[in-house]
PDB file of N, CA and C in Angstrom:
ATOM      1  N   UNK A   1     -89.968 138.307 165.131  1.00  0.00           N
ATOM      2  CA  UNK A   1     -90.133 139.746 165.330  1.00  0.00           C
ATOM      3  C   UNK A   1     -90.346 140.448 163.998  1.00  0.00           C
ATOM      4  N   UNK A   2     -91.117 141.498 164.044  1.00  0.00           N
ATOM      5  CA  UNK A   2     -91.378 142.313 162.862  1.00  0.00           C
ATOM      6  C   UNK A   2     -91.020 143.752 163.194  1.00  0.00           C
ATOM      7  N   UNK A   3     -90.323 144.405 162.293  1.00  0.00           N
ATOM      8  CA  UNK A   3     -89.977 145.809 162.470  1.00  0.00           C
ATOM      9  C   UNK A   3     -90.797 146.645 161.502  1.00  0.00           C
ATOM     10  N   UNK A   4     -91.235 147.817 161.974  1.00  0.00           N
ATOM     11  CA  UNK A   4     -92.039 148.729 161.164  1.00  0.00           C
ATOM     12  C   UNK A   4     -91.322 150.065 161.059  1.00  0.00           C
ATOM     13  N   UNK A   5     -91.219 150.561 159.842  1.00  0.00           N
ATOM     14  CA  UNK A   5     -90.597 151.868 159.604  1.00  0.00           C
ATOM     15  C   UNK A   5     -91.615 152.762 158.909  1.00  0.00           C
ATOM     16  N   UNK A   6     -91.956 153.849 159.550  1.00  0.00           N
ATOM     17  CA  UNK A   6     -92.967 154.777 159.032  1.00  0.00           C
ATOM     18  C   UNK A   6     -92.300 155.975 158.371  1.00  0.00           C
ATOM     19  N   UNK A   7     -93.001 156.556 157.417  1.00  0.00           N
ATOM     20  CA  UNK A   7     -92.538 157.796 156.795  1.00  0.00           C
ATOM     21  C   UNK A   7     -93.757 158.608 156.382  1.00  0.00           C
ATOM     22  N   UNK A   8     -93.520 159.888 156.187  1.00  0.00           N
ATOM     23  CA  UNK A   8     -94.603 160.771 155.798  1.00  0.00           C
ATOM     24  C   UNK A   8     -95.108 161.572 156.981  1.00  0.00           C
ATOM     25  N   UNK A   9     -96.283 162.170 156.806  1.00  0.00           N
ATOM     26  CA  UNK A   9     -96.837 163.031 157.836  1.00  0.00           C
ATOM     27  C   UNK A   9     -96.317 164.442 157.701  1.00  0.00           C
ATOM     28  N   UNK A  10     -96.612 165.269 158.704  1.00  0.00           N
ATOM     29  CA  UNK A  10     -96.149 166.642 158.682  1.00  0.00           C
ATOM     30  C   UNK A  10     -97.284 167.608 158.934  1.00  0.00           C
ATOM     31  N   UNK A  11     -97.126 168.803 158.366  1.00  0.00           N
ATOM     32  CA  UNK A  11     -98.076 169.890 158.584  1.00  0.00           C
ATOM     33  C   UNK A  11     -98.759 170.229 157.267  1.00  0.00           C
ATOM     34  N   UNK A  12    -100.068 170.466 157.331  1.00  0.00           N
ATOM     35  CA  UNK A  12    -100.817 170.846 156.137  1.00  0.00           C
ATOM     36  C   UNK A  12    -101.997 171.714 156.554  1.00  0.00           C
ATOM     37  N   UNK A  13    -102.438 172.562 155.654  1.00  0.00           N
ATOM     38  CA  UNK A  13    -103.604 173.390 155.922  1.00  0.00           C
ATOM     39  C   UNK A  13    -104.884 172.599 155.675  1.00  0.00           C
ATOM     40  N   UNK A  14    -105.984 173.001 156.289  1.00  0.00           N
ATOM     41  CA  UNK A  14    -107.264 172.312 156.050  1.00  0.00           C
ATOM     42  C   UNK A  14    -107.573 172.226 154.560  1.00  0.00           C
ATOM     43  N   UNK A  15    -108.050 171.063 154.155  1.00  0.00           N
ATOM     44  CA  UNK A  15    -108.342 170.827 152.750  1.00  0.00           C
ATOM     45  C   UNK A  15    -107.177 170.245 151.979  1.00  0.00           C
ATOM     46  N   UNK A  16    -106.021 170.211 152.589  1.00  0.00           N
ATOM     47  CA  UNK A  16    -104.830 169.697 151.926  1.00  0.00           C
ATOM     48  C   UNK A  16    -104.721 168.186 151.997  1.00  0.00           C
ATOM     49  N   UNK A  17    -103.594 167.685 151.484  1.00  0.00           N
ATOM     50  CA  UNK A  17    -103.366 166.243 151.415  1.00  0.00           C
ATOM     51  C   UNK A  17    -102.002 165.883 151.982  1.00  0.00           C
ATOM     52  N   UNK A  18    -101.923 164.704 152.535  1.00  0.00           N
ATOM     53  CA  UNK A  18    -100.662 164.144 153.011  1.00  0.00           C
ATOM     54  C   UNK A  18    -100.680 162.644 152.764  1.00  0.00           C
ATOM     55  N   UNK A  19     -99.481 162.051 152.706  1.00  0.00           N
ATOM     56  CA  UNK A  19     -99.381 160.609 152.568  1.00  0.00           C
ATOM     57  C   UNK A  19     -98.513 160.020 153.648  1.00  0.00           C
ATOM     58  N   UNK A  20     -98.869 158.815 154.069  1.00  0.00           N
ATOM     59  CA  UNK A  20     -98.095 158.058 155.038  1.00  0.00           C
ATOM     60  C   UNK A  20     -97.716 156.711 154.429  1.00  0.00           C
ATOM     61  N   UNK A  21     -96.537 156.224 154.794  1.00  0.00           N
ATOM     62  CA  UNK A  21     -96.119 154.896 154.360  1.00  0.00           C
ATOM     63  C   UNK A  21     -95.508 154.147 155.524  1.00  0.00           C
ATOM     64  N   UNK A  22     -95.616 152.837 155.461  1.00  0.00           N
ATOM     65  CA  UNK A  22     -95.049 151.988 156.502  1.00  0.00           C
ATOM     66  C   UNK A  22     -94.521 150.717 155.842  1.00  0.00           C
ATOM     67  N   UNK A  23     -93.290 150.367 156.164  1.00  0.00           N
ATOM     68  CA  UNK A  23     -92.675 149.162 155.619  1.00  0.00           C
ATOM     69  C   UNK A  23     -92.417 148.176 156.745  1.00  0.00           C
ATOM     70  N   UNK A  24     -92.833 146.948 156.531  1.00  0.00           N
ATOM     71  CA  UNK A  24     -92.619 145.888 157.512  1.00  0.00           C
ATOM     72  C   UNK A  24     -91.490 144.975 157.050  1.00  0.00           C
ATOM     73  N   UNK A  25     -90.686 144.543 157.999  1.00  0.00           N
ATOM     74  CA  UNK A  25     -89.612 143.605 157.687  1.00  0.00           C
ATOM     75  C   UNK A  25     -89.424 142.657 158.862  1.00  0.00           C
ATOM     76  N   UNK A  26     -88.769 141.531 158.580  1.00  0.00           N
ATOM     77  CA  UNK A  26     -88.540 140.550 159.628  1.00  0.00           C
ATOM     78  C   UNK A  26     -89.209 139.236 159.288  1.00  0.00           C
ATOM     79  N   UNK A  27     -89.668 138.552 160.311  1.00  0.00           N
ATOM     80  CA  UNK A  27     -90.287 137.243 160.161  1.00  0.00           C
ATOM     81  C   UNK A  27     -91.782 137.412 159.875  1.00  0.00           C
ATOM     82  N   UNK A  28     -92.120 137.539 158.595  1.00  0.00           N
ATOM     83  CA  UNK A  28     -93.491 137.839 158.185  1.00  0.00           C
ATOM     84  C   UNK A  28     -94.133 136.618 157.570  1.00  0.00           C
ATOM     85  N   UNK A  29     -95.341 136.304 158.036  1.00  0.00           N
ATOM     86  CA  UNK A  29     -96.099 135.190 157.493  1.00  0.00           C
ATOM     87  C   UNK A  29     -96.855 135.628 156.240  1.00  0.00           C
ATOM     88  N   UNK A  30     -97.511 134.682 155.584  1.00  0.00           N
ATOM     89  CA  UNK A  30     -98.210 135.001 154.338  1.00  0.00           C
ATOM     90  C   UNK A  30     -99.507 135.765 154.560  1.00  0.00           C
ATOM     91  N   UNK A  31    -100.113 135.604 155.718  1.00  0.00           N
ATOM     92  CA  UNK A  31    -101.406 136.236 155.991  1.00  0.00           C
ATOM     93  C   UNK A  31    -101.215 137.272 157.091  1.00  0.00           C
ATOM     94  N   UNK A  32    -101.577 138.508 156.793  1.00  0.00           N
ATOM     95  CA  UNK A  32    -101.380 139.561 157.777  1.00  0.00           C
ATOM     96  C   UNK A  32    -102.350 140.697 157.498  1.00  0.00           C
ATOM     97  N   UNK A  33    -102.433 141.602 158.434  1.00  0.00           N
ATOM     98  CA  UNK A  33    -103.231 142.820 158.294  1.00  0.00           C
ATOM     99  C   UNK A  33    -102.337 143.996 158.653  1.00  0.00           C
ATOM    100  N   UNK A  34    -102.327 144.998 157.814  1.00  0.00           N
ATOM    101  CA  UNK A  34    -101.564 146.216 158.090  1.00  0.00           C
ATOM    102  C   UNK A  34    -102.520 147.391 158.119  1.00  0.00           C
ATOM    103  N   UNK A  35    -102.163 148.402 158.858  1.00  0.00           N
ATOM    104  CA  UNK A  35    -103.055 149.546 158.894  1.00  0.00           C
ATOM    105  C   UNK A  35    -102.527 150.704 159.691  1.00  0.00           C
ATOM    106  N   UNK A  36    -103.398 151.662 159.900  1.00  0.00           N
ATOM    107  CA  UNK A  36    -103.056 152.886 160.616  1.00  0.00           C
ATOM    108  C   UNK A  36    -104.089 153.161 161.693  1.00  0.00           C
ATOM    109  N   UNK A  37    -103.581 153.545 162.845  1.00  0.00           N
ATOM    110  CA  UNK A  37    -104.397 154.042 163.931  1.00  0.00           C
ATOM    111  C   UNK A  37    -103.897 155.447 164.231  1.00  0.00           C
ATOM    112  N   UNK A  38    -104.684 156.187 164.978  1.00  0.00           N
ATOM    113  CA  UNK A  38    -104.224 157.512 165.384  1.00  0.00           C
ATOM    114  C   UNK A  38    -104.602 157.774 166.834  1.00  0.00           C
ATOM    115  N   UNK A  39    -103.832 158.674 167.422  1.00  0.00           N
ATOM    116  CA  UNK A  39    -104.048 158.946 168.839  1.00  0.00           C
ATOM    117  C   UNK A  39    -103.742 160.400 169.135  1.00  0.00           C
ATOM    118  N   UNK A  40    -104.646 161.021 169.834  1.00  0.00           N
ATOM    119  CA  UNK A  40    -104.448 162.368 170.355  1.00  0.00           C
ATOM    120  C   UNK A  40    -104.113 162.222 171.833  1.00  0.00           C
ATOM    121  N   UNK A  41    -103.169 162.995 172.286  1.00  0.00           N
ATOM    122  CA  UNK A  41    -102.727 162.891 173.679  1.00  0.00           C
ATOM    123  C   UNK A  41    -103.913 162.949 174.632  1.00  0.00           C
ATOM    124  N   UNK A  42    -103.982 161.966 175.525  1.00  0.00           N
ATOM    125  CA  UNK A  42    -105.049 161.935 176.508  1.00  0.00           C
ATOM    126  C   UNK A  42    -106.301 161.212 176.065  1.00  0.00           C
ATOM    127  N   UNK A  43    -106.290 160.719 174.838  1.00  0.00           N
ATOM    128  CA  UNK A  43    -107.456 159.981 174.347  1.00  0.00           C
ATOM    129  C   UNK A  43    -107.033 158.586 173.910  1.00  0.00           C
ATOM    130  N   UNK A  44    -108.018 157.730 173.658  1.00  0.00           N
ATOM    131  CA  UNK A  44    -107.715 156.364 173.232  1.00  0.00           C
ATOM    132  C   UNK A  44    -107.286 156.333 171.765  1.00  0.00           C
ATOM    133  N   UNK A  45    -106.477 155.346 171.475  1.00  0.00           N
ATOM    134  CA  UNK A  45    -106.069 155.109 170.097  1.00  0.00           C
ATOM    135  C   UNK A  45    -107.286 154.654 169.290  1.00  0.00           C
ATOM    136  N   UNK A  46    -107.422 155.176 168.076  1.00  0.00           N
ATOM    137  CA  UNK A  46    -108.584 154.807 167.264  1.00  0.00           C
ATOM    138  C   UNK A  46    -108.156 154.332 165.889  1.00  0.00           C
ATOM    139  N   UNK A  47    -108.952 153.433 165.344  1.00  0.00           N
ATOM    140  CA  UNK A  47    -108.709 152.906 164.013  1.00  0.00           C
ATOM    141  C   UNK A  47    -108.879 154.000 162.974  1.00  0.00           C
ATOM    142  N   UNK A  48    -107.975 154.027 162.013  1.00  0.00           N
ATOM    143  CA  UNK A  48    -108.134 154.890 160.841  1.00  0.00           C
ATOM    144  C   UNK A  48    -108.510 154.015 159.645  1.00  0.00           C
ATOM    145  N   UNK A  49    -107.648 153.071 159.318  1.00  0.00           N
ATOM    146  CA  UNK A  49    -107.911 152.176 158.192  1.00  0.00           C
ATOM    147  C   UNK A  49    -106.987 150.977 158.273  1.00  0.00           C
ATOM    148  N   UNK A  50    -107.473 149.834 157.796  1.00  0.00           N
ATOM    149  CA  UNK A  50    -106.643 148.637 157.705  1.00  0.00           C
ATOM    150  C   UNK A  50    -106.850 147.972 156.360  1.00  0.00           C
ATOM    151  N   UNK A  51    -105.872 147.163 155.985  1.00  0.00           N
ATOM    152  CA  UNK A  51    -105.969 146.387 154.751  1.00  0.00           C
ATOM    153  C   UNK A  51    -105.309 145.040 154.994  1.00  0.00           C
ATOM    154  N   UNK A  52    -105.959 143.991 154.552  1.00  0.00           N
ATOM    155  CA  UNK A  52    -105.424 142.655 154.761  1.00  0.00           C
ATOM    156  C   UNK A  52    -104.479 142.281 153.625  1.00  0.00           C
ATOM    157  N   UNK A  53    -103.753 141.199 153.833  1.00  0.00           N
ATOM    158  CA  UNK A  53    -102.871 140.713 152.785  1.00  0.00           C
ATOM    159  C   UNK A  53    -103.664 140.352 151.536  1.00  0.00           C
ATOM    160  N   UNK A  54    -104.949 140.019 151.706  1.00  0.00           N
ATOM    161  CA  UNK A  54    -105.794 139.710 150.566  1.00  0.00           C
ATOM    162  C   UNK A  54    -106.423 140.929 149.922  1.00  0.00           C
ATOM    163  N   UNK A  55    -106.254 142.099 150.540  1.00  0.00           N
ATOM    164  CA  UNK A  55    -106.762 143.326 149.945  1.00  0.00           C
ATOM    165  C   UNK A  55    -108.054 143.857 150.549  1.00  0.00           C
ATOM    166  N   UNK A  56    -108.585 143.192 151.560  1.00  0.00           N
ATOM    167  CA  UNK A  56    -109.813 143.671 152.199  1.00  0.00           C
ATOM    168  C   UNK A  56    -109.503 144.904 153.042  1.00  0.00           C
ATOM    169  N   UNK A  57    -110.304 145.943 152.877  1.00  0.00           N
ATOM    170  CA  UNK A  57    -110.060 147.201 153.588  1.00  0.00           C
ATOM    171  C   UNK A  57    -111.166 147.489 154.600  1.00  0.00           C
ATOM    172  N   UNK A  58    -110.786 148.268 155.605  1.00  0.00           N
ATOM    173  CA  UNK A  58    -111.723 148.748 156.604  1.00  0.00           C
ATOM    174  C   UNK A  58    -111.346 150.185 156.926  1.00  0.00           C
ATOM    175  N   UNK A  59    -112.356 151.055 157.022  1.00  0.00           N
ATOM    176  CA  UNK A  59    -112.118 152.461 157.306  1.00  0.00           C
ATOM    177  C   UNK A  59    -112.980 152.927 158.473  1.00  0.00           C
ATOM    178  N   UNK A  60    -112.446 153.872 159.222  1.00  0.00           N
ATOM    179  CA  UNK A  60    -113.279 154.566 160.202  1.00  0.00           C
ATOM    180  C   UNK A  60    -114.274 155.432 159.443  1.00  0.00           C
ATOM    181  N   UNK A  61    -115.476 155.569 159.987  1.00  0.00           N
ATOM    182  CA  UNK A  61    -116.504 156.371 159.319  1.00  0.00           C
ATOM    183  C   UNK A  61    -116.022 157.798 159.081  1.00  0.00           C
ATOM    184  N   UNK A  62    -115.216 158.296 159.991  1.00  0.00           N
ATOM    185  CA  UNK A  62    -114.792 159.693 159.916  1.00  0.00           C
ATOM    186  C   UNK A  62    -113.842 159.970 158.755  1.00  0.00           C
ATOM    187  N   UNK A  63    -113.267 158.936 158.165  1.00  0.00           N
ATOM    188  CA  UNK A  63    -112.306 159.155 157.077  1.00  0.00           C
ATOM    189  C   UNK A  63    -112.776 158.584 155.743  1.00  0.00           C
ATOM    190  N   UNK A  64    -113.909 157.897 155.745  1.00  0.00           N
ATOM    191  CA  UNK A  64    -114.412 157.318 154.494  1.00  0.00           C
ATOM    192  C   UNK A  64    -114.628 158.394 153.445  1.00  0.00           C
ATOM    193  N   UNK A  65    -114.171 158.112 152.238  1.00  0.00           N
ATOM    194  CA  UNK A  65    -114.307 159.061 151.150  1.00  0.00           C
ATOM    195  C   UNK A  65    -113.181 160.087 151.080  1.00  0.00           C
ATOM    196  N   UNK A  66    -112.367 160.153 152.123  1.00  0.00           N
ATOM    197  CA  UNK A  66    -111.251 161.112 152.142  1.00  0.00           C
ATOM    198  C   UNK A  66    -109.891 160.412 152.166  1.00  0.00           C
ATOM    199  N   UNK A  67    -109.813 159.292 152.855  1.00  0.00           N
ATOM    200  CA  UNK A  67    -108.547 158.555 152.991  1.00  0.00           C
ATOM    201  C   UNK A  67    -108.619 157.278 152.161  1.00  0.00           C
ATOM    202  N   UNK A  68    -107.477 156.897 151.617  1.00  0.00           N
ATOM    203  CA  UNK A  68    -107.383 155.656 150.861  1.00  0.00           C
ATOM    204  C   UNK A  68    -106.169 154.869 151.327  1.00  0.00           C
ATOM    205  N   UNK A  69    -106.401 153.614 151.710  1.00  0.00           N
ATOM    206  CA  UNK A  69    -105.302 152.758 152.135  1.00  0.00           C
ATOM    207  C   UNK A  69    -104.976 151.783 151.018  1.00  0.00           C
ATOM    208  N   UNK A  70    -103.703 151.508 150.845  1.00  0.00           N
ATOM    209  CA  UNK A  70    -103.275 150.552 149.829  1.00  0.00           C
ATOM    210  C   UNK A  70    -102.059 149.797 150.347  1.00  0.00           C
ATOM    211  N   UNK A  71    -101.775 148.683 149.725  1.00  0.00           N
ATOM    212  CA  UNK A  71    -100.620 147.905 150.184  1.00  0.00           C
ATOM    213  C   UNK A  71     -99.903 147.293 148.996  1.00  0.00           C
ATOM    214  N   UNK A  72     -98.617 147.038 149.182  1.00  0.00           N
ATOM    215  CA  UNK A  72     -97.825 146.290 148.228  1.00  0.00           C
ATOM    216  C   UNK A  72     -97.468 144.991 148.927  1.00  0.00           C
ATOM    217  N   UNK A  73     -98.096 143.910 148.500  1.00  0.00           N
ATOM    218  CA  UNK A  73     -97.933 142.639 149.202  1.00  0.00           C
ATOM    219  C   UNK A  73     -96.490 142.151 149.140  1.00  0.00           C
ATOM    220  N   UNK A  74     -95.875 142.273 147.979  1.00  0.00           N
ATOM    221  CA  UNK A  74     -94.510 141.756 147.811  1.00  0.00           C
ATOM    222  C   UNK A  74     -93.514 142.523 148.676  1.00  0.00           C
ATOM    223  N   UNK A  75     -93.708 143.828 148.766  1.00  0.00           N
ATOM    224  CA  UNK A  75     -92.776 144.665 149.523  1.00  0.00           C
ATOM    225  C   UNK A  75     -93.181 144.815 150.981  1.00  0.00           C
ATOM    226  N   UNK A  76     -94.360 144.315 151.336  1.00  0.00           N
ATOM    227  CA  UNK A  76     -94.858 144.384 152.713  1.00  0.00           C
ATOM    228  C   UNK A  76     -94.915 145.845 153.181  1.00  0.00           C
ATOM    229  N   UNK A  77     -95.496 146.673 152.334  1.00  0.00           N
ATOM    230  CA  UNK A  77     -95.671 148.078 152.678  1.00  0.00           C
ATOM    231  C   UNK A  77     -97.153 148.448 152.646  1.00  0.00           C
ATOM    232  N   UNK A  78     -97.507 149.429 153.428  1.00  0.00           N
ATOM    233  CA  UNK A  78     -98.865 149.958 153.428  1.00  0.00           C
ATOM    234  C   UNK A  78     -98.771 151.471 153.347  1.00  0.00           C
ATOM    235  N   UNK A  79     -99.673 152.056 152.573  1.00  0.00           N
ATOM    236  CA  UNK A  79     -99.684 153.502 152.396  1.00  0.00           C
ATOM    237  C   UNK A  79    -101.074 154.033 152.707  1.00  0.00           C
ATOM    238  N   UNK A  80    -101.107 155.258 153.172  1.00  0.00           N
ATOM    239  CA  UNK A  80    -102.372 155.924 153.468  1.00  0.00           C
ATOM    240  C   UNK A  80    -102.343 157.292 152.797  1.00  0.00           C
ATOM    241  N   UNK A  81    -103.211 157.487 151.823  1.00  0.00           N
ATOM    242  CA  UNK A  81    -103.351 158.779 151.177  1.00  0.00           C
ATOM    243  C   UNK A  81    -104.489 159.518 151.852  1.00  0.00           C
ATOM    244  N   UNK A  82    -104.180 160.684 152.395  1.00  0.00           N
ATOM    245  CA  UNK A  82    -105.165 161.450 153.148  1.00  0.00           C
ATOM    246  C   UNK A  82    -105.467 162.741 152.398  1.00  0.00           C
ATOM    247  N   UNK A  83    -106.710 162.863 151.949  1.00  0.00           N
ATOM    248  CA  UNK A  83    -107.153 164.054 151.226  1.00  0.00           C
ATOM    249  C   UNK A  83    -108.204 164.798 152.037  1.00  0.00           C
ATOM    250  N   UNK A  84    -108.448 166.034 151.648  1.00  0.00           N
ATOM    251  CA  UNK A  84    -109.469 166.862 152.314  1.00  0.00           C
ATOM    252  C   UNK A  84    -109.292 166.831 153.827  1.00  0.00           C
ATOM    253  N   UNK A  85    -108.076 167.029 154.258  1.00  0.00           N
ATOM    254  CA  UNK A  85    -107.779 166.922 155.682  1.00  0.00           C
ATOM    255  C   UNK A  85    -108.458 168.022 156.489  1.00  0.00           C
ATOM    256  N   UNK A  86    -108.836 167.655 157.700  1.00  0.00           N
ATOM    257  CA  UNK A  86    -109.529 168.555 158.608  1.00  0.00           C
ATOM    258  C   UNK A  86    -108.711 168.728 159.883  1.00  0.00           C
ATOM    259  N   UNK A  87    -108.908 169.806 160.598  1.00  0.00           N
ATOM    260  CA  UNK A  87    -108.173 169.971 161.865  1.00  0.00           C
ATOM    261  C   UNK A  87    -108.366 168.795 162.817  1.00  0.00           C
ATOM    262  N   UNK A  88    -109.534 168.190 162.793  1.00  0.00           N
ATOM    263  CA  UNK A  88    -109.786 167.060 163.691  1.00  0.00           C
ATOM    264  C   UNK A  88    -109.027 165.796 163.282  1.00  0.00           C
ATOM    265  N   UNK A  89    -108.360 165.825 162.151  1.00  0.00           N
ATOM    266  CA  UNK A  89    -107.497 164.707 161.765  1.00  0.00           C
ATOM    267  C   UNK A  89    -106.116 164.803 162.424  1.00  0.00           C
ATOM    268  N   UNK A  90    -105.857 165.908 163.086  1.00  0.00           N
ATOM    269  CA  UNK A  90    -104.576 166.094 163.764  1.00  0.00           C
ATOM    270  C   UNK A  90    -104.383 165.032 164.840  1.00  0.00           C
ATOM    271  N   UNK A  91    -103.276 164.317 164.755  1.00  0.00           N
ATOM    272  CA  UNK A  91    -102.989 163.237 165.705  1.00  0.00           C
ATOM    273  C   UNK A  91    -101.623 162.648 165.388  1.00  0.00           C
ATOM    274  N   UNK A  92    -101.179 161.765 166.253  1.00  0.00           N
ATOM    275  CA  UNK A  92    -100.046 160.903 165.940  1.00  0.00           C
ATOM    276  C   UNK A  92    -100.604 159.664 165.255  1.00  0.00           C
ATOM    277  N   UNK A  93    -100.106 159.366 164.087  1.00  0.00           N
ATOM    278  CA  UNK A  93    -100.562 158.215 163.317  1.00  0.00           C
ATOM    279  C   UNK A  93     -99.564 157.073 163.487  1.00  0.00           C
ATOM    280  N   UNK A  94    -100.077 155.914 163.862  1.00  0.00           N
ATOM    281  CA  UNK A  94     -99.227 154.765 164.151  1.00  0.00           C
ATOM    282  C   UNK A  94     -99.525 153.625 163.182  1.00  0.00           C
ATOM    283  N   UNK A  95     -98.469 153.071 162.646  1.00  0.00           N
ATOM    284  CA  UNK A  95     -98.594 151.902 161.781  1.00  0.00           C
ATOM    285  C   UNK A  95     -98.811 150.667 162.650  1.00  0.00           C
ATOM    286  N   UNK A  96     -99.720 149.822 162.204  1.00  0.00           N
ATOM    287  CA  UNK A  96    -100.033 148.594 162.928  1.00  0.00           C
ATOM    288  C   UNK A  96     -99.879 147.394 162.009  1.00  0.00           C
ATOM    289  N   UNK A  97     -99.317 146.325 162.530  1.00  0.00           N
ATOM    290  CA  UNK A  97     -99.126 145.089 161.763  1.00  0.00           C
ATOM    291  C   UNK A  97     -99.553 143.914 162.632  1.00  0.00           C
ATOM    292  N   UNK A  98    -100.439 143.083 162.091  1.00  0.00           N
ATOM    293  CA  UNK A  98    -100.894 141.887 162.806  1.00  0.00           C
ATOM    294  C   UNK A  98    -100.760 140.673 161.904  1.00  0.00           C
ATOM    295  N   UNK A  99    -100.325 139.573 162.464  1.00  0.00           N
ATOM    296  CA  UNK A  99    -100.218 138.354 161.680  1.00  0.00           C
ATOM    297  C   UNK A  99    -100.420 137.142 162.566  1.00  0.00           C
ATOM    298  N   UNK A 100    -100.758 136.045 161.938  1.00  0.00           N
ATOM    299  CA  UNK A 100    -100.849 134.787 162.657  1.00  0.00           C
ATOM    300  C   UNK A 100    -100.406 133.678 161.727  1.00  0.00           C
ATOM    301  N   UNK A 101     -99.880 132.638 162.337  1.00  0.00           N
ATOM    302  CA  UNK A 101     -99.288 131.565 161.548  1.00  0.00           C
ATOM    303  C   UNK A 101    -100.357 130.759 160.805  1.00  0.00           C
ATOM    304  N   UNK A 102    -101.529 130.579 161.428  1.00  0.00           N
ATOM    305  CA  UNK A 102    -102.628 129.870 160.794  1.00  0.00           C
ATOM    306  C   UNK A 102    -103.940 130.327 161.431  1.00  0.00           C
ATOM    307  N   UNK A 103    -105.051 129.838 160.922  1.00  0.00           N
ATOM    308  CA  UNK A 103    -106.366 130.326 161.360  1.00  0.00           C
ATOM    309  C   UNK A 103    -106.672 129.928 162.797  1.00  0.00           C
ATOM    310  N   UNK A 104    -105.949 128.981 163.336  1.00  0.00           N
ATOM    311  CA  UNK A 104    -106.189 128.552 164.711  1.00  0.00           C
ATOM    312  C   UNK A 104    -105.336 129.333 165.700  1.00  0.00           C
ATOM    313  N   UNK A 105    -104.370 130.057 165.207  1.00  0.00           N
ATOM    314  CA  UNK A 105    -103.446 130.778 166.085  1.00  0.00           C
ATOM    315  C   UNK A 105    -103.963 132.180 166.384  1.00  0.00           C
ATOM    316  N   UNK A 106    -103.481 132.745 167.476  1.00  0.00           N
ATOM    317  CA  UNK A 106    -103.820 134.117 167.814  1.00  0.00           C
ATOM    318  C   UNK A 106    -102.941 135.076 166.999  1.00  0.00           C
ATOM    319  N   UNK A 107    -103.438 136.274 166.811  1.00  0.00           N
ATOM    320  CA  UNK A 107    -102.652 137.293 166.120  1.00  0.00           C
ATOM    321  C   UNK A 107    -101.535 137.800 167.029  1.00  0.00           C
ATOM    322  N   UNK A 108    -100.394 138.056 166.435  1.00  0.00           N
ATOM    323  CA  UNK A 108     -99.316 138.789 167.087  1.00  0.00           C
ATOM    324  C   UNK A 108     -99.320 140.189 166.482  1.00  0.00           C
ATOM    325  N   UNK A 109     -99.185 141.187 167.317  1.00  0.00           N
ATOM    326  CA  UNK A 109     -99.360 142.555 166.876  1.00  0.00           C
ATOM    327  C   UNK A 109     -98.091 143.374 167.123  1.00  0.00           C
ATOM    328  N   UNK A 110     -97.816 144.265 166.178  1.00  0.00           N
ATOM    329  CA  UNK A 110     -96.656 145.147 166.277  1.00  0.00           C
ATOM    330  C   UNK A 110     -97.095 146.571 165.959  1.00  0.00           C
ATOM    331  N   UNK A 111     -96.376 147.531 166.546  1.00  0.00           N
ATOM    332  CA  UNK A 111     -96.693 148.946 166.344  1.00  0.00           C
ATOM    333  C   UNK A 111     -95.448 149.713 165.903  1.00  0.00           C
ATOM    334  N   UNK A 112     -95.677 150.687 165.026  1.00  0.00           N
ATOM    335  CA  UNK A 112     -94.625 151.628 164.699  1.00  0.00           C
ATOM    336  C   UNK A 112     -94.511 152.690 165.778  1.00  0.00           C
ATOM    337  N   UNK A 113     -93.539 153.564 165.636  1.00  0.00           N
ATOM    338  CA  UNK A 113     -93.300 154.589 166.654  1.00  0.00           C
ATOM    339  C   UNK A 113     -94.251 155.763 166.512  1.00  0.00           C
ATOM    340  N   UNK A 114     -94.854 155.905 165.346  1.00  0.00           N
ATOM    341  CA  UNK A 114     -95.805 156.993 165.152  1.00  0.00           C
ATOM    342  C   UNK A 114     -95.210 158.180 164.427  1.00  0.00           C
ATOM    343  N   UNK A 115     -96.065 158.866 163.685  1.00  0.00           N
ATOM    344  CA  UNK A 115     -95.642 160.068 162.973  1.00  0.00           C
ATOM    345  C   UNK A 115     -96.740 161.125 163.134  1.00  0.00           C
ATOM    346  N   UNK A 116     -96.335 162.352 163.357  1.00  0.00           N
ATOM    347  CA  UNK A 116     -97.290 163.420 163.642  1.00  0.00           C
ATOM    348  C   UNK A 116     -97.904 163.961 162.361  1.00  0.00           C
ATOM    349  N   UNK A 117     -99.216 164.125 162.397  1.00  0.00           N
ATOM    350  CA  UNK A 117     -99.953 164.812 161.334  1.00  0.00           C
ATOM    351  C   UNK A 117    -100.665 165.991 161.984  1.00  0.00           C
ATOM    352  N   UNK A 118    -100.390 167.181 161.478  1.00  0.00           N
ATOM    353  CA  UNK A 118    -101.006 168.387 162.014  1.00  0.00           C
ATOM    354  C   UNK A 118    -101.726 169.120 160.893  1.00  0.00           C
ATOM    355  N   UNK A 119    -103.011 169.387 161.119  1.00  0.00           N
ATOM    356  CA  UNK A 119    -103.833 170.103 160.140  1.00  0.00           C
ATOM    357  C   UNK A 119    -104.299 171.401 160.792  1.00  0.00           C
ATOM    358  N   UNK A 120    -103.815 172.514 160.270  1.00  0.00           N
ATOM    359  CA  UNK A 120    -104.132 173.803 160.889  1.00  0.00           C
ATOM    360  C   UNK A 120    -103.990 174.912 159.855  1.00  0.00           C
ATOM    361  N   UNK A 121    -104.727 176.029 160.050  1.00  0.00           N
ATOM    362  CA  UNK A 121    -104.622 177.154 159.091  1.00  0.00           C
ATOM    363  C   UNK A 121    -103.214 177.733 159.076  1.00  0.00           C
TER     364      UNK A 121
END
């Protein structure tokens, strides 16, 4: 089992910045992917950004150039720096952690409880 603890989020005006962090603990393998998804009530969860244990990143087109994801491999933490925030970035942001024991195994996935980000005048 893997536990995820999220921090950060809150309220900010358009154009402002916020940071999110997520720490993973428990039975963690050497190869994993951590990231952030977001969800607005009544809509599907969507990818924001992910980063692998090797440092490979992936971003949603809507956040490229504004959000930066980073990770601390030793501490098993992932952070998301969100700049130039827009009202449409308002959502619950959920930390995601995926790992597998080897390349032949399926990924096991875990989710954080989510943290609210609100962007409004």
